[in-house]
Amino acid sequence: MGLLMMLLTIGGLVVALATNIFSVASVNTNLTDNNVVGSLTIRWKDGLPNLGVIVLAFGLLETIVLYLFLENFQPR
């Protein structure tokens, strides 16, 4: 039961991040003069609530990962 709850929690955070990142950001690549040029575009105006969800999900995921590290760390 504990493993299922952990997978649902982390899976939900990953799904929230993925759906909101794909709705706010877009990646473009072009080939000019045998050089690959890439760009990342983030929409601030239309996607402000999505950016809030992204920041919150990253913060929660960071807290969980930090807790797992500190709980299982054993100095040598």
PDB file of N, CA and C in Angstrom:
ATOM      1  N   MET A   1       0.817  -1.198   0.000  1.00  0.00           N
ATOM      2  CA  MET A   1       0.000   0.000   0.000  1.00  0.00           C
ATOM      3  C   MET A   1       0.862   1.264   0.000  1.00  0.00           C
ATOM      4  N   GLY A   2       1.978   1.217   0.751  1.00  0.00           N
ATOM      5  CA  GLY A   2       2.871   2.373   0.804  1.00  0.00           C
ATOM      6  C   GLY A   2       3.531   2.659  -0.531  1.00  0.00           C
ATOM      7  N   LEU A   3       3.927   1.593  -1.242  1.00  0.00           N
ATOM      8  CA  LEU A   3       4.555   1.767  -2.549  1.00  0.00           C
ATOM      9  C   LEU A   3       3.562   2.346  -3.551  1.00  0.00           C
ATOM     10  N   LEU A   4       2.317   1.899  -3.480  1.00  0.00           N
ATOM     11  CA  LEU A   4       1.290   2.420  -4.381  1.00  0.00           C
ATOM     12  C   LEU A   4       1.054   3.909  -4.145  1.00  0.00           C
ATOM     13  N   MET A   5       0.993   4.307  -2.884  1.00  0.00           N
ATOM     14  CA  MET A   5       0.783   5.722  -2.579  1.00  0.00           C
ATOM     15  C   MET A   5       1.967   6.576  -3.048  1.00  0.00           C
ATOM     16  N   MET A   6       3.191   6.057  -2.891  1.00  0.00           N
ATOM     17  CA  MET A   6       4.367   6.783  -3.350  1.00  0.00           C
ATOM     18  C   MET A   6       4.340   6.935  -4.870  1.00  0.00           C
ATOM     19  N   LEU A   7       4.004   5.861  -5.580  1.00  0.00           N
ATOM     20  CA  LEU A   7       3.950   5.922  -7.038  1.00  0.00           C
ATOM     21  C   LEU A   7       2.850   6.867  -7.522  1.00  0.00           C
ATOM     22  N   LEU A   8       1.712   6.860  -6.849  1.00  0.00           N
ATOM     23  CA  LEU A   8       0.640   7.776  -7.231  1.00  0.00           C
ATOM     24  C   LEU A   8       1.031   9.231  -6.976  1.00  0.00           C
ATOM     25  N   THR A   9       1.699   9.487  -5.883  1.00  0.00           N
ATOM     26  CA  THR A   9       2.103  10.857  -5.564  1.00  0.00           C
ATOM     27  C   THR A   9       3.142  11.372  -6.551  1.00  0.00           C
ATOM     28  N   ILE A  10       4.199  10.609  -6.751  1.00  0.00           N
ATOM     29  CA  ILE A  10       5.252  11.044  -7.673  1.00  0.00           C
ATOM     30  C   ILE A  10       4.747  11.030  -9.115  1.00  0.00           C
ATOM     31  N   GLY A  11       3.946  10.029  -9.460  1.00  0.00           N
ATOM     32  CA  GLY A  11       3.370   9.978 -10.806  1.00  0.00           C
ATOM     33  C   GLY A  11       2.464  11.161 -11.075  1.00  0.00           C
ATOM     34  N   GLY A  12       1.673  11.554 -10.079  1.00  0.00           N
ATOM     35  CA  GLY A  12       0.808  12.719 -10.248  1.00  0.00           C
ATOM     36  C   GLY A  12       1.595  13.995 -10.436  1.00  0.00           C
ATOM     37  N   LEU A  13       2.684  14.139  -9.682  1.00  0.00           N
ATOM     38  CA  LEU A  13       3.532  15.320  -9.858  1.00  0.00           C
ATOM     39  C   LEU A  13       4.168  15.354 -11.239  1.00  0.00           C
ATOM     40  N   VAL A  14       4.630  14.202 -11.713  1.00  0.00           N
ATOM     41  CA  VAL A  14       5.260  14.142 -13.040  1.00  0.00           C
ATOM     42  C   VAL A  14       4.235  14.445 -14.132  1.00  0.00           C
ATOM     43  N   VAL A  15       3.029  13.911 -14.003  1.00  0.00           N
ATOM     44  CA  VAL A  15       1.974  14.194 -14.992  1.00  0.00           C
ATOM     45  C   VAL A  15       1.603  15.676 -14.970  1.00  0.00           C
ATOM     46  N   ALA A  16       1.495  16.266 -13.777  1.00  0.00           N
ATOM     47  CA  ALA A  16       1.189  17.697 -13.677  1.00  0.00           C
ATOM     48  C   ALA A  16       2.283  18.536 -14.324  1.00  0.00           C
ATOM     49  N   LEU A  17       3.536  18.170 -14.084  1.00  0.00           N
ATOM     50  CA  LEU A  17       4.647  18.900 -14.708  1.00  0.00           C
ATOM     51  C   LEU A  17       4.607  18.776 -16.228  1.00  0.00           C
ATOM     52  N   ALA A  18       4.442  17.550 -16.712  1.00  0.00           N
ATOM     53  CA  ALA A  18       4.480  17.320 -18.160  1.00  0.00           C
ATOM     54  C   ALA A  18       3.355  18.058 -18.875  1.00  0.00           C
ATOM     55  N   THR A  19       2.140  17.956 -18.369  1.00  0.00           N
ATOM     56  CA  THR A  19       1.024  18.602 -19.064  1.00  0.00           C
ATOM     57  C   THR A  19       1.145  20.125 -19.036  1.00  0.00           C
ATOM     58  N   ASN A  20       1.614  20.679 -17.937  1.00  0.00           N
ATOM     59  CA  ASN A  20       1.731  22.133 -17.861  1.00  0.00           C
ATOM     60  C   ASN A  20       2.938  22.660 -18.617  1.00  0.00           C
ATOM     61  N   ILE A  21       4.030  21.913 -18.640  1.00  0.00           N
ATOM     62  CA  ILE A  21       5.192  22.353 -19.415  1.00  0.00           C
ATOM     63  C   ILE A  21       4.877  22.332 -20.906  1.00  0.00           C
ATOM     64  N   PHE A  22       4.183  21.292 -21.372  1.00  0.00           N
ATOM     65  CA  PHE A  22       3.848  21.222 -22.792  1.00  0.00           C
ATOM     66  C   PHE A  22       2.837  22.293 -23.206  1.00  0.00           C
ATOM     67  N   SER A  23       2.021  22.763 -22.276  1.00  0.00           N
ATOM     68  CA  SER A  23       1.055  23.803 -22.633  1.00  0.00           C
ATOM     69  C   SER A  23       1.667  25.205 -22.605  1.00  0.00           C
ATOM     70  N   VAL A  24       2.789  25.383 -21.928  1.00  0.00           N
ATOM     71  CA  VAL A  24       3.399  26.707 -21.796  1.00  0.00           C
ATOM     72  C   VAL A  24       4.620  26.870 -22.692  1.00  0.00           C
ATOM     73  N   ALA A  25       5.430  25.829 -22.814  1.00  0.00           N
ATOM     74  CA  ALA A  25       6.710  25.941 -23.532  1.00  0.00           C
ATOM     75  C   ALA A  25       6.648  25.255 -24.888  1.00  0.00           C
ATOM     76  N   SER A  26       7.423  25.781 -25.806  1.00  0.00           N
ATOM     77  CA  SER A  26       7.582  25.142 -27.115  1.00  0.00           C
ATOM     78  C   SER A  26       9.056  25.229 -27.522  1.00  0.00           C
ATOM     79  N   VAL A  27       9.530  24.168 -28.160  1.00  0.00           N
ATOM     80  CA  VAL A  27      10.919  24.087 -28.595  1.00  0.00           C
ATOM     81  C   VAL A  27      10.935  24.068 -30.121  1.00  0.00           C
ATOM     82  N   ASN A  28      11.758  24.914 -30.709  1.00  0.00           N
ATOM     83  CA  ASN A  28      11.890  24.992 -32.158  1.00  0.00           C
ATOM     84  C   ASN A  28      13.345  24.795 -32.550  1.00  0.00           C
ATOM     85  N   THR A  29      13.568  24.072 -33.637  1.00  0.00           N
ATOM     86  CA  THR A  29      14.922  23.904 -34.173  1.00  0.00           C
ATOM     87  C   THR A  29      14.916  24.244 -35.654  1.00  0.00           C
ATOM     88  N   ASN A  30      15.993  24.837 -36.103  1.00  0.00           N
ATOM     89  CA  ASN A  30      16.168  25.192 -37.513  1.00  0.00           C
ATOM     90  C   ASN A  30      17.559  24.795 -37.951  1.00  0.00           C
ATOM     91  N   LEU A  31      17.699  24.467 -39.225  1.00  0.00           N
ATOM     92  CA  LEU A  31      18.994  24.165 -39.812  1.00  0.00           C
ATOM     93  C   LEU A  31      19.356  25.302 -40.752  1.00  0.00           C
ATOM     94  N   THR A  32      20.367  26.101 -40.368  1.00  0.00           N
ATOM     95  CA  THR A  32      20.818  27.213 -41.198  1.00  0.00           C
ATOM     96  C   THR A  32      22.324  27.118 -41.367  1.00  0.00           C
ATOM     97  N   ASP A  33      22.771  27.086 -42.602  1.00  0.00           N
ATOM     98  CA  ASP A  33      24.197  27.024 -42.931  1.00  0.00           C
ATOM     99  C   ASP A  33      24.897  25.874 -42.211  1.00  0.00           C
ATOM    100  N   ASN A  34      24.306  24.693 -42.250  1.00  0.00           N
ATOM    101  CA  ASN A  34      24.832  23.480 -41.613  1.00  0.00           C
ATOM    102  C   ASN A  34      24.997  23.608 -40.099  1.00  0.00           C
ATOM    103  N   ASN A  35      24.266  24.527 -39.490  1.00  0.00           N
ATOM    104  CA  ASN A  35      24.249  24.681 -38.040  1.00  0.00           C
ATOM    105  C   ASN A  35      22.824  24.471 -37.541  1.00  0.00           C
ATOM    106  N   VAL A  36      22.699  23.731 -36.480  1.00  0.00           N
ATOM    107  CA  VAL A  36      21.391  23.531 -35.868  1.00  0.00           C
ATOM    108  C   VAL A  36      21.186  24.626 -34.819  1.00  0.00           C
ATOM    109  N   VAL A  37      20.130  25.385 -34.988  1.00  0.00           N
ATOM    110  CA  VAL A  37      19.804  26.471 -34.076  1.00  0.00           C
ATOM    111  C   VAL A  37      18.510  26.103 -33.357  1.00  0.00           C
ATOM    112  N   GLY A  38      18.554  26.109 -32.024  1.00  0.00           N
ATOM    113  CA  GLY A  38      17.374  25.769 -31.247  1.00  0.00           C
ATOM    114  C   GLY A  38      16.907  26.939 -30.413  1.00  0.00           C
ATOM    115  N   SER A  39      15.611  26.952 -30.149  1.00  0.00           N
ATOM    116  CA  SER A  39      15.056  28.005 -29.311  1.00  0.00           C
ATOM    117  C   SER A  39      13.958  27.428 -28.428  1.00  0.00           C
ATOM    118  N   LEU A  40      13.853  27.993 -27.240  1.00  0.00           N
ATOM    119  CA  LEU A  40      12.821  27.613 -26.282  1.00  0.00           C
ATOM    120  C   LEU A  40      11.957  28.836 -26.031  1.00  0.00           C
ATOM    121  N   THR A  41      10.666  28.708 -26.265  1.00  0.00           N
ATOM    122  CA  THR A  41       9.736  29.815 -26.089  1.00  0.00           C
ATOM    123  C   THR A  41       8.785  29.495 -24.949  1.00  0.00           C
ATOM    124  N   ILE A  42       8.659  30.423 -24.012  1.00  0.00           N
ATOM    125  CA  ILE A  42       7.741  30.265 -22.887  1.00  0.00           C
ATOM    126  C   ILE A  42       6.735  31.409 -22.931  1.00  0.00           C
ATOM    127  N   ARG A  43       5.442  31.053 -22.920  1.00  0.00           N
ATOM    128  CA  ARG A  43       4.388  32.064 -22.937  1.00  0.00           C
ATOM    129  C   ARG A  43       4.060  32.469 -21.501  1.00  0.00           C
ATOM    130  N   TRP A  44       4.299  33.730 -21.161  1.00  0.00           N
ATOM    131  CA  TRP A  44       4.037  34.215 -19.816  1.00  0.00           C
ATOM    132  C   TRP A  44       2.599  34.665 -19.642  1.00  0.00           C
ATOM    133  N   LYS A  45       2.068  35.374 -20.641  1.00  0.00           N
ATOM    134  CA  LYS A  45       0.776  36.027 -20.487  1.00  0.00           C
ATOM    135  C   LYS A  45      -0.375  35.014 -20.371  1.00  0.00           C
ATOM    136  N   ASP A  46      -0.448  34.070 -21.269  1.00  0.00           N
ATOM    137  CA  ASP A  46      -1.561  33.122 -21.287  1.00  0.00           C
ATOM    138  C   ASP A  46      -1.379  31.981 -20.302  1.00  0.00           C
ATOM    139  N   GLY A  47      -0.152  31.700 -19.924  1.00  0.00           N
ATOM    140  CA  GLY A  47       0.100  30.516 -19.118  1.00  0.00           C
ATOM    141  C   GLY A  47       0.533  30.784 -17.698  1.00  0.00           C
ATOM    142  N   LEU A  48       0.118  31.903 -17.120  1.00  0.00           N
ATOM    143  CA  LEU A  48       0.552  32.227 -15.758  1.00  0.00           C
ATOM    144  C   LEU A  48       0.067  31.204 -14.723  1.00  0.00           C
ATOM    145  N   PRO A  49      -1.194  30.735 -14.764  1.00  0.00           N
ATOM    146  CA  PRO A  49      -1.594  29.677 -13.822  1.00  0.00           C
ATOM    147  C   PRO A  49      -0.809  28.375 -14.039  1.00  0.00           C
ATOM    148  N   ASN A  50      -0.501  28.071 -15.291  1.00  0.00           N
ATOM    149  CA  ASN A  50       0.290  26.872 -15.579  1.00  0.00           C
ATOM    150  C   ASN A  50       1.692  26.989 -15.018  1.00  0.00           C
ATOM    151  N   LEU A  51       2.284  28.177 -15.095  1.00  0.00           N
ATOM    152  CA  LEU A  51       3.612  28.382 -14.520  1.00  0.00           C
ATOM    153  C   LEU A  51       3.579  28.223 -13.004  1.00  0.00           C
ATOM    154  N   GLY A  52       2.490  28.652 -12.381  1.00  0.00           N
ATOM    155  CA  GLY A  52       2.337  28.456 -10.944  1.00  0.00           C
ATOM    156  C   GLY A  52       2.278  26.982 -10.573  1.00  0.00           C
ATOM    157  N   VAL A  53       1.569  26.195 -11.369  1.00  0.00           N
ATOM    158  CA  VAL A  53       1.498  24.747 -11.129  1.00  0.00           C
ATOM    159  C   VAL A  53       2.860  24.108 -11.337  1.00  0.00           C
ATOM    160  N   ILE A  54       3.606  24.562 -12.336  1.00  0.00           N
ATOM    161  CA  ILE A  54       4.939  24.026 -12.603  1.00  0.00           C
ATOM    162  C   ILE A  54       5.871  24.299 -11.419  1.00  0.00           C
ATOM    163  N   VAL A  55       5.858  25.535 -10.913  1.00  0.00           N
ATOM    164  CA  VAL A  55       6.716  25.890  -9.781  1.00  0.00           C
ATOM    165  C   VAL A  55       6.334  25.086  -8.544  1.00  0.00           C
ATOM    166  N   LEU A  56       5.038  24.965  -8.288  1.00  0.00           N
ATOM    167  CA  LEU A  56       4.567  24.205  -7.127  1.00  0.00           C
ATOM    168  C   LEU A  56       4.929  22.726  -7.242  1.00  0.00           C
ATOM    169  N   ALA A  57       4.750  22.146  -8.428  1.00  0.00           N
ATOM    170  CA  ALA A  57       5.071  20.729  -8.615  1.00  0.00           C
ATOM    171  C   ALA A  57       6.573  20.480  -8.487  1.00  0.00           C
ATOM    172  N   PHE A  58       7.403  21.387  -9.047  1.00  0.00           N
ATOM    173  CA  PHE A  58       8.849  21.244  -8.882  1.00  0.00           C
ATOM    174  C   PHE A  58       9.250  21.345  -7.412  1.00  0.00           C
ATOM    175  N   GLY A  59       8.641  22.266  -6.685  1.00  0.00           N
ATOM    176  CA  GLY A  59       8.948  22.414  -5.260  1.00  0.00           C
ATOM    177  C   GLY A  59       8.571  21.173  -4.466  1.00  0.00           C
ATOM    178  N   LEU A  60       7.399  20.619  -4.726  1.00  0.00           N
ATOM    179  CA  LEU A  60       6.978  19.406  -4.021  1.00  0.00           C
ATOM    180  C   LEU A  60       7.858  18.216  -4.382  1.00  0.00           C
ATOM    181  N   LEU A  61       8.190  18.089  -5.671  1.00  0.00           N
ATOM    182  CA  LEU A  61       9.060  16.990  -6.106  1.00  0.00           C
ATOM    183  C   LEU A  61      10.450  17.129  -5.499  1.00  0.00           C
ATOM    184  N   GLU A  62      10.955  18.349  -5.432  1.00  0.00           N
ATOM    185  CA  GLU A  62      12.259  18.601  -4.814  1.00  0.00           C
ATOM    186  C   GLU A  62      12.242  18.247  -3.325  1.00  0.00           C
ATOM    187  N   THR A  63      11.155  18.573  -2.649  1.00  0.00           N
ATOM    188  CA  THR A  63      11.030  18.245  -1.228  1.00  0.00           C
ATOM    189  C   THR A  63      11.025  16.738  -1.012  1.00  0.00           C
ATOM    190  N   ILE A  64      10.319  16.006  -1.852  1.00  0.00           N
ATOM    191  CA  ILE A  64      10.257  14.542  -1.722  1.00  0.00           C
ATOM    192  C   ILE A  64      11.626  13.926  -1.984  1.00  0.00           C
ATOM    193  N   VAL A  65      12.308  14.383  -3.026  1.00  0.00           N
ATOM    194  CA  VAL A  65      13.633  13.832  -3.351  1.00  0.00           C
ATOM    195  C   VAL A  65      14.630  14.157  -2.244  1.00  0.00           C
ATOM    196  N   LEU A  66      14.593  15.364  -1.718  1.00  0.00           N
ATOM    197  CA  LEU A  66      15.488  15.736  -0.627  1.00  0.00           C
ATOM    198  C   LEU A  66      15.211  14.902   0.619  1.00  0.00           C
ATOM    199  N   TYR A  67      13.938  14.674   0.915  1.00  0.00           N
ATOM    200  CA  TYR A  67      13.579  13.833   2.067  1.00  0.00           C
ATOM    201  C   TYR A  67      14.094  12.411   1.874  1.00  0.00           C
ATOM    202  N   LEU A  68      13.901  11.847   0.683  1.00  0.00           N
ATOM    203  CA  LEU A  68      14.375  10.481   0.422  1.00  0.00           C
ATOM    204  C   LEU A  68      15.892  10.390   0.562  1.00  0.00           C
ATOM    205  N   PHE A  69      16.604  11.401   0.088  1.00  0.00           N
ATOM    206  CA  PHE A  69      18.055  11.393   0.198  1.00  0.00           C
ATOM    207  C   PHE A  69      18.498  11.479   1.656  1.00  0.00           C
ATOM    208  N   LEU A  70      17.928  12.436   2.390  1.00  0.00           N
ATOM    209  CA  LEU A  70      18.358  12.626   3.776  1.00  0.00           C
ATOM    210  C   LEU A  70      17.954  11.455   4.668  1.00  0.00           C
ATOM    211  N   GLU A  71      16.835  10.825   4.374  1.00  0.00           N
ATOM    212  CA  GLU A  71      16.374   9.701   5.185  1.00  0.00           C
ATOM    213  C   GLU A  71      17.249   8.448   4.968  1.00  0.00           C
ATOM    214  N   ASN A  72      17.784   8.298   3.765  1.00  0.00           N
ATOM    215  CA  ASN A  72      18.544   7.102   3.431  1.00  0.00           C
ATOM    216  C   ASN A  72      20.039   7.307   3.406  1.00  0.00           C
ATOM    217  N   PHE A  73      20.526   8.523   3.648  1.00  0.00           N
ATOM    218  CA  PHE A  73      21.953   8.817   3.593  1.00  0.00           C
ATOM    219  C   PHE A  73      22.634   8.278   4.846  1.00  0.00           C
ATOM    220  N   GLN A  74      23.735   7.583   4.625  1.00  0.00           N
ATOM    221  CA  GLN A  74      24.530   7.086   5.751  1.00  0.00           C
ATOM    222  C   GLN A  74      25.979   7.469   5.509  1.00  0.00           C
ATOM    223  N   PRO A  75      26.547   8.303   6.367  1.00  0.00           N
ATOM    224  CA  PRO A  75      27.950   8.695   6.174  1.00  0.00           C
ATOM    225  C   PRO A  75      28.878   7.494   6.341  1.00  0.00           C
ATOM    226  N   ARG A  76      29.979   7.528   5.638  1.00  0.00           N
ATOM    227  CA  ARG A  76      30.953   6.431   5.698  1.00  0.00           C
ATOM    228  C   ARG A  76      32.062   6.749   6.639  1.00  0.00           C
TER     229      ARG A  76
END
